[in-house]
PDB file of N, CA and C in Angstrom:
ATOM      1  N   MET A   1      -4.532   4.192 -11.619  1.00  0.00           N
ATOM      2  CA  MET A   1      -3.258   4.823 -11.328  1.00  0.00           C
ATOM      3  C   MET A   1      -2.475   3.939 -10.352  1.00  0.00           C
ATOM      4  N   GLN A   2      -1.251   3.662 -10.708  1.00  0.00           N
ATOM      5  CA  GLN A   2      -0.407   2.811  -9.869  1.00  0.00           C
ATOM      6  C   GLN A   2       0.065   3.572  -8.637  1.00  0.00           C
ATOM      7  N   ILE A   3       0.016   2.887  -7.502  1.00  0.00           N
ATOM      8  CA  ILE A   3       0.486   3.462  -6.242  1.00  0.00           C
ATOM      9  C   ILE A   3       1.880   2.922  -5.965  1.00  0.00           C
ATOM     10  N   PHE A   4       2.781   3.822  -5.591  1.00  0.00           N
ATOM     11  CA  PHE A   4       4.144   3.436  -5.252  1.00  0.00           C
ATOM     12  C   PHE A   4       4.359   3.641  -3.759  1.00  0.00           C
ATOM     13  N   VAL A   5       4.877   2.611  -3.109  1.00  0.00           N
ATOM     14  CA  VAL A   5       5.144   2.659  -1.674  1.00  0.00           C
ATOM     15  C   VAL A   5       6.637   2.420  -1.475  1.00  0.00           C
ATOM     16  N   GLU A   6       7.251   3.250  -0.646  1.00  0.00           N
ATOM     17  CA  GLU A   6       8.656   3.049  -0.309  1.00  0.00           C
ATOM     18  C   GLU A   6       8.785   2.996   1.208  1.00  0.00           C
ATOM     19  N   VAL A   7       9.414   1.928   1.675  1.00  0.00           N
ATOM     20  CA  VAL A   7       9.699   1.774   3.093  1.00  0.00           C
ATOM     21  C   VAL A   7      11.209   1.858   3.250  1.00  0.00           C
ATOM     22  N   ARG A   8      11.643   2.736   4.124  1.00  0.00           N
ATOM     23  CA  ARG A   8      13.071   2.889   4.394  1.00  0.00           C
ATOM     24  C   ARG A   8      13.354   2.410   5.813  1.00  0.00           C
ATOM     25  N   LEU A   9      14.336   1.521   5.934  1.00  0.00           N
ATOM     26  CA  LEU A   9      14.742   0.998   7.227  1.00  0.00           C
ATOM     27  C   LEU A   9      16.110   1.560   7.582  1.00  0.00           C
ATOM     28  N   ASP A  10      16.255   1.981   8.806  1.00  0.00           N
ATOM     29  CA  ASP A  10      17.513   2.551   9.279  1.00  0.00           C
ATOM     30  C   ASP A  10      18.617   1.500   9.165  1.00  0.00           C
ATOM     31  N   LYS A  11      19.645   1.817   8.395  1.00  0.00           N
ATOM     32  CA  LYS A  11      20.719   0.842   8.166  1.00  0.00           C
ATOM     33  C   LYS A  11      21.536   0.567   9.425  1.00  0.00           C
ATOM     34  N   LYS A  12      21.374   1.378  10.466  1.00  0.00           N
ATOM     35  CA  LYS A  12      22.069   1.108  11.723  1.00  0.00           C
ATOM     36  C   LYS A  12      21.403  -0.013  12.523  1.00  0.00           C
ATOM     37  N   LYS A  13      20.164  -0.362  12.145  1.00  0.00           N
ATOM     38  CA  LYS A  13      19.467  -1.458  12.825  1.00  0.00           C
ATOM     39  C   LYS A  13      20.124  -2.772  12.435  1.00  0.00           C
ATOM     40  N   GLN A  14      20.235  -3.640  13.387  1.00  0.00           N
ATOM     41  CA  GLN A  14      20.822  -4.953  13.131  1.00  0.00           C
ATOM     42  C   GLN A  14      19.707  -5.924  12.728  1.00  0.00           C
ATOM     43  N   LEU A  15      19.392  -5.947  11.450  1.00  0.00           N
ATOM     44  CA  LEU A  15      18.362  -6.851  10.947  1.00  0.00           C
ATOM     45  C   LEU A  15      19.014  -8.125  10.426  1.00  0.00           C
ATOM     46  N   PRO A  16      18.328  -9.253  10.536  1.00  0.00           N
ATOM     47  CA  PRO A  16      18.877 -10.500   9.990  1.00  0.00           C
ATOM     48  C   PRO A  16      19.074 -10.391   8.476  1.00  0.00           C
ATOM     49  N   ALA A  17      20.010 -11.152   7.965  1.00  0.00           N
ATOM     50  CA  ALA A  17      20.254 -11.174   6.519  1.00  0.00           C
ATOM     51  C   ALA A  17      18.965 -11.554   5.790  1.00  0.00           C
ATOM     52  N   GLY A  18      18.659 -10.825   4.747  1.00  0.00           N
ATOM     53  CA  GLY A  18      17.484 -11.114   3.934  1.00  0.00           C
ATOM     54  C   GLY A  18      16.191 -10.516   4.460  1.00  0.00           C
ATOM     55  N   ALA A  19      16.243  -9.815   5.587  1.00  0.00           N
ATOM     56  CA  ALA A  19      15.017  -9.283   6.194  1.00  0.00           C
ATOM     57  C   ALA A  19      14.339  -8.244   5.303  1.00  0.00           C
ATOM     58  N   ALA A  20      15.105  -7.335   4.712  1.00  0.00           N
ATOM     59  CA  ALA A  20      14.514  -6.278   3.885  1.00  0.00           C
ATOM     60  C   ALA A  20      13.839  -6.867   2.652  1.00  0.00           C
ATOM     61  N   SER A  21      14.488  -7.800   1.980  1.00  0.00           N
ATOM     62  CA  SER A  21      13.874  -8.382   0.781  1.00  0.00           C
ATOM     63  C   SER A  21      12.669  -9.245   1.143  1.00  0.00           C
ATOM     64  N   ALA A  22      12.731  -9.956   2.262  1.00  0.00           N
ATOM     65  CA  ALA A  22      11.580 -10.753   2.699  1.00  0.00           C
ATOM     66  C   ALA A  22      10.406  -9.842   3.049  1.00  0.00           C
ATOM     67  N   LEU A  23      10.690  -8.707   3.690  1.00  0.00           N
ATOM     68  CA  LEU A  23       9.637  -7.748   4.013  1.00  0.00           C
ATOM     69  C   LEU A  23       9.001  -7.206   2.733  1.00  0.00           C
ATOM     70  N   ALA A  24       9.808  -6.899   1.728  1.00  0.00           N
ATOM     71  CA  ALA A  24       9.279  -6.387   0.462  1.00  0.00           C
ATOM     72  C   ALA A  24       8.337  -7.400  -0.185  1.00  0.00           C
ATOM     73  N   ILE A  25       8.711  -8.655  -0.186  1.00  0.00           N
ATOM     74  CA  ILE A  25       7.880  -9.699  -0.793  1.00  0.00           C
ATOM     75  C   ILE A  25       6.564  -9.843  -0.036  1.00  0.00           C
ATOM     76  N   GLU A  26       6.649  -9.946   1.287  1.00  0.00           N
ATOM     77  CA  GLU A  26       5.443 -10.123   2.094  1.00  0.00           C
ATOM     78  C   GLU A  26       4.543  -8.895   2.022  1.00  0.00           C
ATOM     79  N   LEU A  27       5.146  -7.712   2.068  1.00  0.00           N
ATOM     80  CA  LEU A  27       4.369  -6.475   2.011  1.00  0.00           C
ATOM     81  C   LEU A  27       3.644  -6.355   0.669  1.00  0.00           C
ATOM     82  N   ASN A  28       4.329  -6.648  -0.439  1.00  0.00           N
ATOM     83  CA  ASN A  28       3.688  -6.603  -1.755  1.00  0.00           C
ATOM     84  C   ASN A  28       2.528  -7.589  -1.834  1.00  0.00           C
ATOM     85  N   THR A  29       2.725  -8.787  -1.299  1.00  0.00           N
ATOM     86  CA  THR A  29       1.667  -9.799  -1.307  1.00  0.00           C
ATOM     87  C   THR A  29       0.431  -9.286  -0.585  1.00  0.00           C
ATOM     88  N   ARG A  30       0.635  -8.722   0.590  1.00  0.00           N
ATOM     89  CA  ARG A  30      -0.500  -8.232   1.386  1.00  0.00           C
ATOM     90  C   ARG A  30      -1.138  -6.991   0.767  1.00  0.00           C
ATOM     91  N   LEU A  31      -0.325  -6.077   0.277  1.00  0.00           N
ATOM     92  CA  LEU A  31      -0.868  -4.856  -0.314  1.00  0.00           C
ATOM     93  C   LEU A  31      -1.675  -5.141  -1.575  1.00  0.00           C
ATOM     94  N   GLN A  32      -1.210  -6.098  -2.385  1.00  0.00           N
ATOM     95  CA  GLN A  32      -1.869  -6.372  -3.658  1.00  0.00           C
ATOM     96  C   GLN A  32      -3.250  -6.998  -3.482  1.00  0.00           C
ATOM     97  N   ARG A  33      -3.563  -7.486  -2.285  1.00  0.00           N
ATOM     98  CA  ARG A  33      -4.926  -7.969  -2.023  1.00  0.00           C
ATOM     99  C   ARG A  33      -5.926  -6.807  -2.071  1.00  0.00           C
ATOM    100  N   LYS A  34      -5.501  -5.644  -1.618  1.00  0.00           N
ATOM    101  CA  LYS A  34      -6.384  -4.473  -1.585  1.00  0.00           C
ATOM    102  C   LYS A  34      -6.096  -3.495  -2.724  1.00  0.00           C
ATOM    103  N   PHE A  35      -4.837  -3.404  -3.126  1.00  0.00           N
ATOM    104  CA  PHE A  35      -4.408  -2.477  -4.175  1.00  0.00           C
ATOM    105  C   PHE A  35      -3.696  -3.286  -5.260  1.00  0.00           C
ATOM    106  N   PRO A  36      -4.420  -3.801  -6.254  1.00  0.00           N
ATOM    107  CA  PRO A  36      -3.839  -4.718  -7.239  1.00  0.00           C
ATOM    108  C   PRO A  36      -2.627  -4.185  -7.987  1.00  0.00           C
ATOM    109  N   ASP A  37      -2.539  -2.872  -8.204  1.00  0.00           N
ATOM    110  CA  ASP A  37      -1.405  -2.359  -8.975  1.00  0.00           C
ATOM    111  C   ASP A  37      -0.449  -1.528  -8.117  1.00  0.00           C
ATOM    112  N   VAL A  38      -0.266  -1.954  -6.881  1.00  0.00           N
ATOM    113  CA  VAL A  38       0.688  -1.274  -6.001  1.00  0.00           C
ATOM    114  C   VAL A  38       2.085  -1.838  -6.246  1.00  0.00           C
ATOM    115  N   GLU A  39       3.081  -1.013  -6.050  1.00  0.00           N
ATOM    116  CA  GLU A  39       4.470  -1.479  -6.115  1.00  0.00           C
ATOM    117  C   GLU A  39       5.180  -0.957  -4.875  1.00  0.00           C
ATOM    118  N   ALA A  40       5.596  -1.883  -4.019  1.00  0.00           N
ATOM    119  CA  ALA A  40       6.268  -1.505  -2.785  1.00  0.00           C
ATOM    120  C   ALA A  40       7.736  -1.910  -2.839  1.00  0.00           C
ATOM    121  N   THR A  41       8.582  -1.013  -2.389  1.00  0.00           N
ATOM    122  CA  THR A  41      10.009  -1.312  -2.279  1.00  0.00           C
ATOM    123  C   THR A  41      10.437  -1.089  -0.832  1.00  0.00           C
ATOM    124  N   VAL A  42      11.424  -1.863  -0.423  1.00  0.00           N
ATOM    125  CA  VAL A  42      11.999  -1.731   0.913  1.00  0.00           C
ATOM    126  C   VAL A  42      13.493  -1.589   0.723  1.00  0.00           C
ATOM    127  N   ARG A  43      14.071  -0.564   1.351  1.00  0.00           N
ATOM    128  CA  ARG A  43      15.517  -0.371   1.222  1.00  0.00           C
ATOM    129  C   ARG A  43      16.091   0.131   2.539  1.00  0.00           C
ATOM    130  N   MET A  44      17.371  -0.061   2.688  1.00  0.00           N
ATOM    131  CA  MET A  44      18.082   0.436   3.853  1.00  0.00           C
ATOM    132  C   MET A  44      18.456   1.892   3.574  1.00  0.00           C
ATOM    133  N   ALA A  45      18.332   2.746   4.599  1.00  0.00           N
ATOM    134  CA  ALA A  45      18.591   4.173   4.433  1.00  0.00           C
ATOM    135  C   ALA A  45      19.173   4.738   5.730  1.00  0.00           C
ATOM    136  N   GLY A  46      19.351   6.041   5.755  1.00  0.00           N
ATOM    137  CA  GLY A  46      19.915   6.702   6.924  1.00  0.00           C
ATOM    138  C   GLY A  46      18.990   6.724   8.125  1.00  0.00           C
ATOM    139  N   MET A  47      17.689   6.612   7.864  1.00  0.00           N
ATOM    140  CA  MET A  47      16.710   6.585   8.949  1.00  0.00           C
ATOM    141  C   MET A  47      15.433   5.921   8.469  1.00  0.00           C
ATOM    142  N   ASP A  48      14.584   5.496   9.408  1.00  0.00           N
ATOM    143  CA  ASP A  48      13.314   4.877   9.051  1.00  0.00           C
ATOM    144  C   ASP A  48      12.429   5.893   8.342  1.00  0.00           C
ATOM    145  N   GLY A  49      11.649   5.420   7.409  1.00  0.00           N
ATOM    146  CA  GLY A  49      10.732   6.297   6.710  1.00  0.00           C
ATOM    147  C   GLY A  49       9.742   5.497   5.890  1.00  0.00           C
ATOM    148  N   PHE A  50       8.734   6.206   5.400  1.00  0.00           N
ATOM    149  CA  PHE A  50       7.650   5.566   4.672  1.00  0.00           C
ATOM    150  C   PHE A  50       7.029   6.625   3.769  1.00  0.00           C
ATOM    151  N   SER A  51       6.811   6.308   2.506  1.00  0.00           N
ATOM    152  CA  SER A  51       6.158   7.266   1.617  1.00  0.00           C
ATOM    153  C   SER A  51       5.233   6.538   0.650  1.00  0.00           C
ATOM    154  N   VAL A  52       4.194   7.250   0.234  1.00  0.00           N
ATOM    155  CA  VAL A  52       3.209   6.722  -0.709  1.00  0.00           C
ATOM    156  C   VAL A  52       3.026   7.771  -1.793  1.00  0.00           C
ATOM    157  N   ARG A  53       3.182   7.356  -3.049  1.00  0.00           N
ATOM    158  CA  ARG A  53       2.932   8.257  -4.182  1.00  0.00           C
ATOM    159  C   ARG A  53       1.698   7.782  -4.929  1.00  0.00           C
ATOM    160  N   ASN A  54       0.904   8.727  -5.399  1.00  0.00           N
ATOM    161  CA  ASN A  54      -0.296   8.474  -6.202  1.00  0.00           C
ATOM    162  C   ASN A  54      -1.428   7.846  -5.410  1.00  0.00           C
ATOM    163  N   GLY A  55      -1.415   7.971  -4.110  1.00  0.00           N
ATOM    164  CA  GLY A  55      -2.505   7.438  -3.306  1.00  0.00           C
ATOM    165  C   GLY A  55      -3.221   8.551  -2.564  1.00  0.00           C
ATOM    166  N   THR A  56      -4.450   8.286  -2.193  1.00  0.00           N
ATOM    167  CA  THR A  56      -5.220   9.241  -1.405  1.00  0.00           C
ATOM    168  C   THR A  56      -4.804   9.135   0.065  1.00  0.00           C
ATOM    169  N   THR A  57      -5.323  10.029   0.876  1.00  0.00           N
ATOM    170  CA  THR A  57      -5.056   9.956   2.313  1.00  0.00           C
ATOM    171  C   THR A  57      -5.583   8.639   2.880  1.00  0.00           C
ATOM    172  N   ALA A  58      -6.750   8.217   2.418  1.00  0.00           N
ATOM    173  CA  ALA A  58      -7.323   6.945   2.873  1.00  0.00           C
ATOM    174  C   ALA A  58      -6.444   5.771   2.439  1.00  0.00           C
ATOM    175  N   ASP A  59      -5.906   5.827   1.212  1.00  0.00           N
ATOM    176  CA  ASP A  59      -4.991   4.781   0.740  1.00  0.00           C
ATOM    177  C   ASP A  59      -3.774   4.716   1.653  1.00  0.00           C
ATOM    178  N   ARG A  60      -3.204   5.881   1.957  1.00  0.00           N
ATOM    179  CA  ARG A  60      -2.007   5.930   2.795  1.00  0.00           C
ATOM    180  C   ARG A  60      -2.276   5.321   4.171  1.00  0.00           C
ATOM    181  N   GLU A  61      -3.425   5.648   4.743  1.00  0.00           N
ATOM    182  CA  GLU A  61      -3.765   5.102   6.060  1.00  0.00           C
ATOM    183  C   GLU A  61      -3.914   3.583   6.002  1.00  0.00           C
ATOM    184  N   ALA A  62      -4.565   3.069   4.961  1.00  0.00           N
ATOM    185  CA  ALA A  62      -4.743   1.621   4.805  1.00  0.00           C
ATOM    186  C   ALA A  62      -3.395   0.942   4.587  1.00  0.00           C
ATOM    187  N   ILE A  63      -2.541   1.548   3.778  1.00  0.00           N
ATOM    188  CA  ILE A  63      -1.216   0.983   3.506  1.00  0.00           C
ATOM    189  C   ILE A  63      -0.369   0.980   4.777  1.00  0.00           C
ATOM    190  N   GLU A  64      -0.449   2.053   5.535  1.00  0.00           N
ATOM    191  CA  GLU A  64       0.311   2.130   6.786  1.00  0.00           C
ATOM    192  C   GLU A  64      -0.138   1.039   7.760  1.00  0.00           C
ATOM    193  N   GLU A  65      -1.434   0.785   7.815  1.00  0.00           N
ATOM    194  CA  GLU A  65      -1.964  -0.262   8.687  1.00  0.00           C
ATOM    195  C   GLU A  65      -1.471  -1.644   8.234  1.00  0.00           C
ATOM    196  N   ILE A  66      -1.492  -1.890   6.933  1.00  0.00           N
ATOM    197  CA  ILE A  66      -1.009  -3.170   6.400  1.00  0.00           C
ATOM    198  C   ILE A  66       0.478  -3.320   6.692  1.00  0.00           C
ATOM    199  N   LEU A  67       1.253  -2.246   6.528  1.00  0.00           N
ATOM    200  CA  LEU A  67       2.680  -2.292   6.834  1.00  0.00           C
ATOM    201  C   LEU A  67       2.898  -2.655   8.302  1.00  0.00           C
ATOM    202  N   GLN A  68       2.169  -2.018   9.189  1.00  0.00           N
ATOM    203  CA  GLN A  68       2.334  -2.299  10.618  1.00  0.00           C
ATOM    204  C   GLN A  68       1.981  -3.755  10.937  1.00  0.00           C
ATOM    205  N   GLU A  69       0.867  -4.247  10.375  1.00  0.00           N
ATOM    206  CA  GLU A  69       0.475  -5.646  10.589  1.00  0.00           C
ATOM    207  C   GLU A  69       1.541  -6.602  10.065  1.00  0.00           C
ATOM    208  N   THR A  70       2.092  -6.271   8.905  1.00  0.00           N
ATOM    209  CA  THR A  70       3.128  -7.121   8.298  1.00  0.00           C
ATOM    210  C   THR A  70       4.359  -7.162   9.186  1.00  0.00           C
ATOM    211  N   TRP A  71       4.807  -5.983   9.642  1.00  0.00           N
ATOM    212  CA  TRP A  71       5.999  -5.897  10.486  1.00  0.00           C
ATOM    213  C   TRP A  71       5.794  -6.652  11.796  1.00  0.00           C
ATOM    214  N   GLU A  72       4.618  -6.475  12.415  1.00  0.00           N
ATOM    215  CA  GLU A  72       4.339  -7.106  13.710  1.00  0.00           C
ATOM    216  C   GLU A  72       4.187  -8.618  13.607  1.00  0.00           C
ATOM    217  N   SER A  73       3.872  -9.134  12.425  1.00  0.00           N
ATOM    218  CA  SER A  73       3.697 -10.574  12.255  1.00  0.00           C
ATOM    219  C   SER A  73       4.922 -11.240  11.622  1.00  0.00           C
ATOM    220  N   ALA A  74       6.066 -10.581  11.681  1.00  0.00           N
ATOM    221  CA  ALA A  74       7.279 -11.107  11.034  1.00  0.00           C
ATOM    222  C   ALA A  74       7.630 -12.519  11.497  1.00  0.00           C
ATOM    223  N   ASP A  75       7.330 -12.846  12.742  1.00  0.00           N
ATOM    224  CA  ASP A  75       7.618 -14.206  13.236  1.00  0.00           C
ATOM    225  C   ASP A  75       6.865 -15.266  12.447  1.00  0.00           C
ATOM    226  N   ASP A  76       5.743 -14.886  11.851  1.00  0.00           N
ATOM    227  CA  ASP A  76       4.928 -15.844  11.093  1.00  0.00           C
ATOM    228  C   ASP A  76       5.459 -16.082   9.679  1.00  0.00           C
ATOM    229  N   TRP A  77       6.081 -15.081   9.053  1.00  0.00           N
ATOM    230  CA  TRP A  77       6.465 -15.215   7.645  1.00  0.00           C
ATOM    231  C   TRP A  77       7.961 -15.129   7.383  1.00  0.00           C
ATOM    232  N   PHE A  78       8.755 -14.627   8.333  1.00  0.00           N
ATOM    233  CA  PHE A  78      10.190 -14.504   8.071  1.00  0.00           C
ATOM    234  C   PHE A  78      10.960 -15.668   8.659  1.00  0.00           C
ATOM    235  N   GLN A  79      11.705 -16.347   7.796  1.00  0.00           N
ATOM    236  CA  GLN A  79      12.567 -17.463   8.218  1.00  0.00           C
ATOM    237  C   GLN A  79      14.008 -17.108   7.869  1.00  0.00           C
ATOM    238  N   PRO A  80      14.795 -16.660   8.874  1.00  0.00           N
ATOM    239  CA  PRO A  80      16.185 -16.266   8.561  1.00  0.00           C
ATOM    240  C   PRO A  80      17.039 -17.443   8.093  1.00  0.00           C
TER     241      PRO A  80
END
Protein backbone atom coordinates (compact mmCIF):
# COMPACT_ATOMS: atom_id res chain seq x y z
CA MET A 1 0.00 0.00 0.00
CA GLN A 2 1.40 3.36 -1.03
CA ILE A 3 1.92 5.93 1.71
CA PHE A 4 1.16 9.56 0.94
CA VAL A 5 2.86 12.32 2.90
CA GLU A 6 1.93 15.99 2.68
CA VAL A 7 3.99 18.74 4.25
CA ARG A 8 2.44 22.19 4.39
CA LEU A 9 4.62 25.24 4.97
CA ASP A 10 3.17 28.52 6.15
CA LYS A 11 3.23 30.83 3.13
CA LYS A 12 3.90 33.79 5.44
CA LYS A 13 7.38 32.36 6.13
CA GLN A 14 10.11 33.98 4.11
CA LEU A 15 11.72 30.92 2.54
CA PRO A 16 14.37 31.19 -0.18
CA ALA A 17 13.22 30.63 -3.75
CA GLY A 18 13.07 26.94 -4.56
CA ALA A 19 13.10 25.83 -0.91
CA ALA A 20 9.78 23.96 -1.03
CA SER A 21 10.64 22.00 -4.17
CA ALA A 22 14.16 21.23 -2.89
CA LEU A 23 12.65 19.99 0.39
CA ALA A 24 10.24 17.74 -1.54
CA ILE A 25 13.09 16.19 -3.53
CA GLU A 26 15.32 15.63 -0.50
CA LEU A 27 12.45 14.35 1.65
CA ASN A 28 11.36 11.85 -1.03
CA THR A 29 14.95 10.63 -1.39
CA ARG A 30 15.28 10.03 2.34
CA LEU A 31 11.82 8.55 2.81
CA GLN A 32 12.20 6.11 -0.08
CA ARG A 33 15.17 4.48 1.68
CA LYS A 34 12.75 3.16 4.31
CA PHE A 35 9.41 3.34 2.46
CA PRO A 36 10.03 2.44 -1.22
CA ASP A 37 6.56 3.42 -2.43
CA VAL A 38 6.07 6.64 -0.48
CA GLU A 39 5.01 9.82 -2.24
CA ALA A 40 5.72 13.07 -0.43
CA THR A 41 4.56 16.51 -1.51
CA VAL A 42 5.49 19.88 -0.08
CA ARG A 43 3.31 22.93 -0.64
CA MET A 44 2.79 26.40 0.71
CA ALA A 45 -0.41 26.80 2.75
CA GLY A 46 -2.09 29.00 5.34
CA MET A 47 -0.22 27.31 8.18
CA ASP A 48 2.38 24.62 8.84
CA GLY A 49 1.08 21.09 8.80
CA PHE A 50 1.92 17.47 8.16
CA SER A 51 -0.23 14.48 7.24
CA VAL A 52 0.30 10.82 6.41
CA ARG A 53 -2.26 8.66 4.59
CA ASN A 54 -2.19 4.85 4.48
CA GLY A 55 0.50 4.54 7.13
CA THR A 56 0.50 3.05 10.60
CA THR A 57 1.23 5.04 13.74
CA ALA A 58 4.78 3.66 13.66
CA ASP A 59 5.12 4.74 10.00
CA ARG A 60 3.95 8.24 10.90
CA GLU A 61 6.46 8.49 13.74
CA ALA A 62 9.33 7.32 11.50
CA ILE A 63 8.28 9.71 8.73
CA GLU A 64 8.03 12.60 11.17
CA GLU A 65 11.55 11.85 12.43
CA ILE A 66 12.92 11.74 8.86
CA LEU A 67 11.15 15.03 8.09
CA GLN A 68 12.69 16.69 11.14
CA GLU A 69 16.18 15.38 10.28
CA THR A 70 15.77 16.59 6.70
CA TRP A 71 14.62 20.06 7.78
CA GLU A 72 17.41 20.41 10.37
CA SER A 73 20.09 19.41 7.84
CA ALA A 74 18.96 21.88 5.15
CA ASP A 75 22.38 23.58 5.21
CA ASP A 76 23.85 20.32 3.88
CA TRP A 77 21.52 19.80 0.89
CA PHE A 78 19.88 23.14 0.02
CA GLN A 79 21.76 25.50 -2.29
CA PRO A 80 19.71 28.66 -2.95
